Each structure stands twice: as C-alpha cells, then as structure tokens.
C-alpha cells in the first residue's frame, strides 16, 4: 500500500458512508449547505496544519503520502481529510436524525392505536 494508504482510508470512509446518502440523508444534494458547514472548519485546521508544518512542529511520513503538495507544503491527503471526514460526519448525523424521526413517528402511531 505505502504511498496510497492515506487515500485508501479516505476512500473507504466515503464508501462506508455513501449508503447513508442513498438512504435519504441528502447531504450531497445540498452542496451550498454542505460547503457552509465544511469550509470554515477546514480553513481553520488547514491554516493550523500549514503553520505547524512551517514551524516544523509536525510533518507527514513521505512513505504514506503521494508526495503531491498544495500551497504551504500541505499534502493532498491532508486537504482531502478535512473535506472527506467532515462529510462522513455530516452524513452520519443526518442519517441518525432521519432514523430518530422515523422512530418517533412510529411511536406516535403506536400510541394512537
């Protein structure tokens, strides 16, 4: 695996949560809402990463990243991390909300009977 390991983990996260979108979470179908949720947090943490890399506080093992770098020496995988993982989190949150709403509807129907 080596250089693509980080990308494979991110891809697995997307694949595991994709069924939640297909089950009705509707996260990908609302790109503006998703961007408003992701971008502020991603920007803060990407700046944090860039500062830490520049200050040599931390770095990334070259054997586990592709070597593709964005501005400020951020690895491609790190940028994708701050997009993919929050999307997976939002998908999970929306799916839980849908499930809870369905359970509450069923409970109300059961009480009415």
Protein backbone atom coordinates (compact mmCIF):
# COMPACT_ATOMS: atom_id res chain seq x y z
CA UNK A 1 0.00 0.00 0.00
CA UNK A 2 2.52 2.60 1.13
CA UNK A 3 2.06 5.91 -0.65
CA UNK A 4 -1.65 5.49 -1.30
CA UNK A 5 -2.58 4.20 2.17
CA UNK A 6 -3.93 7.56 3.39
CA UNK A 7 -6.01 7.93 0.20
CA UNK A 8 -7.34 4.40 0.58
CA UNK A 9 -8.50 5.11 4.13
CA UNK A 10 -10.29 8.26 2.94
CA UNK A 11 -11.88 6.34 0.06
CA UNK A 12 -13.05 3.66 2.50
CA UNK A 13 -14.66 6.35 4.67
CA UNK A 14 -16.57 7.66 1.66
CA UNK A 15 -17.65 4.17 0.59
CA UNK A 16 -18.82 3.21 4.07
CA UNK A 17 -20.97 6.33 4.45
CA UNK A 18 -22.24 6.58 0.85
CA UNK A 19 -25.22 4.29 1.57
CA UNK A 20 -26.41 6.88 4.10
CA UNK A 21 -26.83 9.38 1.26
CA UNK A 22 -28.67 6.80 -0.80
CA UNK A 23 -30.91 6.07 2.20
CA UNK A 24 -32.09 9.67 2.29
CA UNK A 25 -29.55 11.76 4.20
CA UNK A 26 -29.47 14.26 1.27
CA UNK A 27 -26.10 15.75 2.17
CA UNK A 28 -24.56 15.68 -1.30
CA UNK A 29 -27.79 17.08 -2.74
CA UNK A 30 -27.35 20.30 -0.75
CA UNK A 31 -23.87 21.48 -1.78
CA UNK A 32 -24.26 25.06 -0.54
CA UNK A 33 -25.35 23.91 2.90
CA UNK A 34 -22.53 21.37 2.98
CA UNK A 35 -19.98 24.00 1.98
CA UNK A 36 -21.20 26.33 4.75
CA UNK A 37 -20.70 23.52 7.24
CA UNK A 38 -17.29 22.37 6.00
CA UNK A 39 -15.36 25.36 4.75
CA UNK A 40 -14.95 27.40 7.96
CA UNK A 41 -13.64 24.43 9.90
CA UNK A 42 -11.47 23.17 7.05
CA UNK A 43 -9.87 26.58 6.59
CA UNK A 44 -9.03 26.89 10.30
CA UNK A 45 -7.45 23.46 10.51
CA UNK A 46 -5.61 23.74 7.19
CA UNK A 47 -4.07 27.02 8.34
CA UNK A 48 -3.17 25.33 11.62
CA UNK A 49 -1.53 22.48 9.72
CA UNK A 50 0.37 24.87 7.44
CA UNK A 51 1.69 26.82 10.43
CA UNK A 52 2.72 23.63 12.22
CA UNK A 53 4.49 22.30 9.12
CA UNK A 54 6.27 25.63 8.55
CA UNK A 55 7.34 25.68 12.21
CA UNK A 56 8.47 22.07 11.93
CA UNK A 57 6.15 21.11 14.77
CA UNK A 58 4.99 18.14 12.73
CA UNK A 59 5.11 16.69 9.27
CA UNK A 60 3.95 13.72 7.25
CA UNK A 61 5.82 10.48 6.69
CA UNK A 62 6.74 10.51 2.99
CA UNK A 63 6.23 6.76 2.74
CA UNK A 64 2.49 7.19 3.45
CA UNK A 65 1.61 10.16 1.24
CA UNK A 66 1.69 10.54 -2.54
CA UNK A 67 4.04 13.49 -2.47
CA UNK A 68 1.53 15.78 -4.15
CA UNK A 69 1.70 19.03 -2.24
CA UNK A 70 -0.61 22.02 -2.21
CA UNK A 71 0.45 25.52 -1.25
CA UNK A 72 2.17 25.80 2.13
CA UNK A 73 3.51 22.23 1.77
CA UNK A 74 0.20 20.63 2.73
CA UNK A 75 -0.09 17.08 1.41
CA UNK A 76 -3.05 16.43 -0.86
CA UNK A 77 -4.22 13.75 1.55
CA UNK A 78 -4.42 16.23 4.43
CA UNK A 79 -6.58 18.62 2.43
CA UNK A 80 -8.85 15.74 1.44
CA UNK A 81 -9.02 14.65 5.08
CA UNK A 82 -10.59 17.97 6.07
CA UNK A 83 -13.22 17.52 3.37
CA UNK A 84 -13.93 13.78 3.46
CA UNK A 85 -14.11 13.19 7.21
CA UNK A 86 -16.50 16.09 7.93
CA UNK A 87 -18.72 14.96 5.05
CA UNK A 88 -18.81 11.48 6.57
CA UNK A 89 -19.69 13.03 9.92
CA UNK A 90 -22.49 15.14 8.44
CA UNK A 91 -23.83 12.10 6.57
CA UNK A 92 -23.85 10.09 9.78
CA UNK A 93 -25.54 12.90 11.71
CA UNK A 94 -28.26 13.30 9.07
CA UNK A 95 -28.86 9.55 8.95
CA UNK A 96 -29.22 9.42 12.74
CA UNK A 97 -31.67 12.35 12.61
CA UNK A 98 -33.73 10.55 9.95
CA UNK A 99 -33.73 7.36 11.99
CA UNK A 100 -34.80 9.14 15.17
CA UNK A 101 -37.59 10.97 13.32
CA UNK A 102 -38.85 7.66 11.90
CA UNK A 103 -38.78 6.03 15.34
CA UNK A 104 -40.69 8.97 16.86
CA UNK A 105 -43.33 8.78 14.10
CA UNK A 106 -43.79 5.06 14.73
CA UNK A 107 -44.08 5.62 18.48
CA UNK A 108 -46.74 8.27 17.94
CA UNK A 109 -48.65 5.96 15.61
CA UNK A 110 -48.43 3.15 18.16
CA UNK A 111 -49.81 5.39 20.92
CA UNK A 112 -52.76 6.46 18.73
CA UNK A 113 -53.85 2.86 18.20
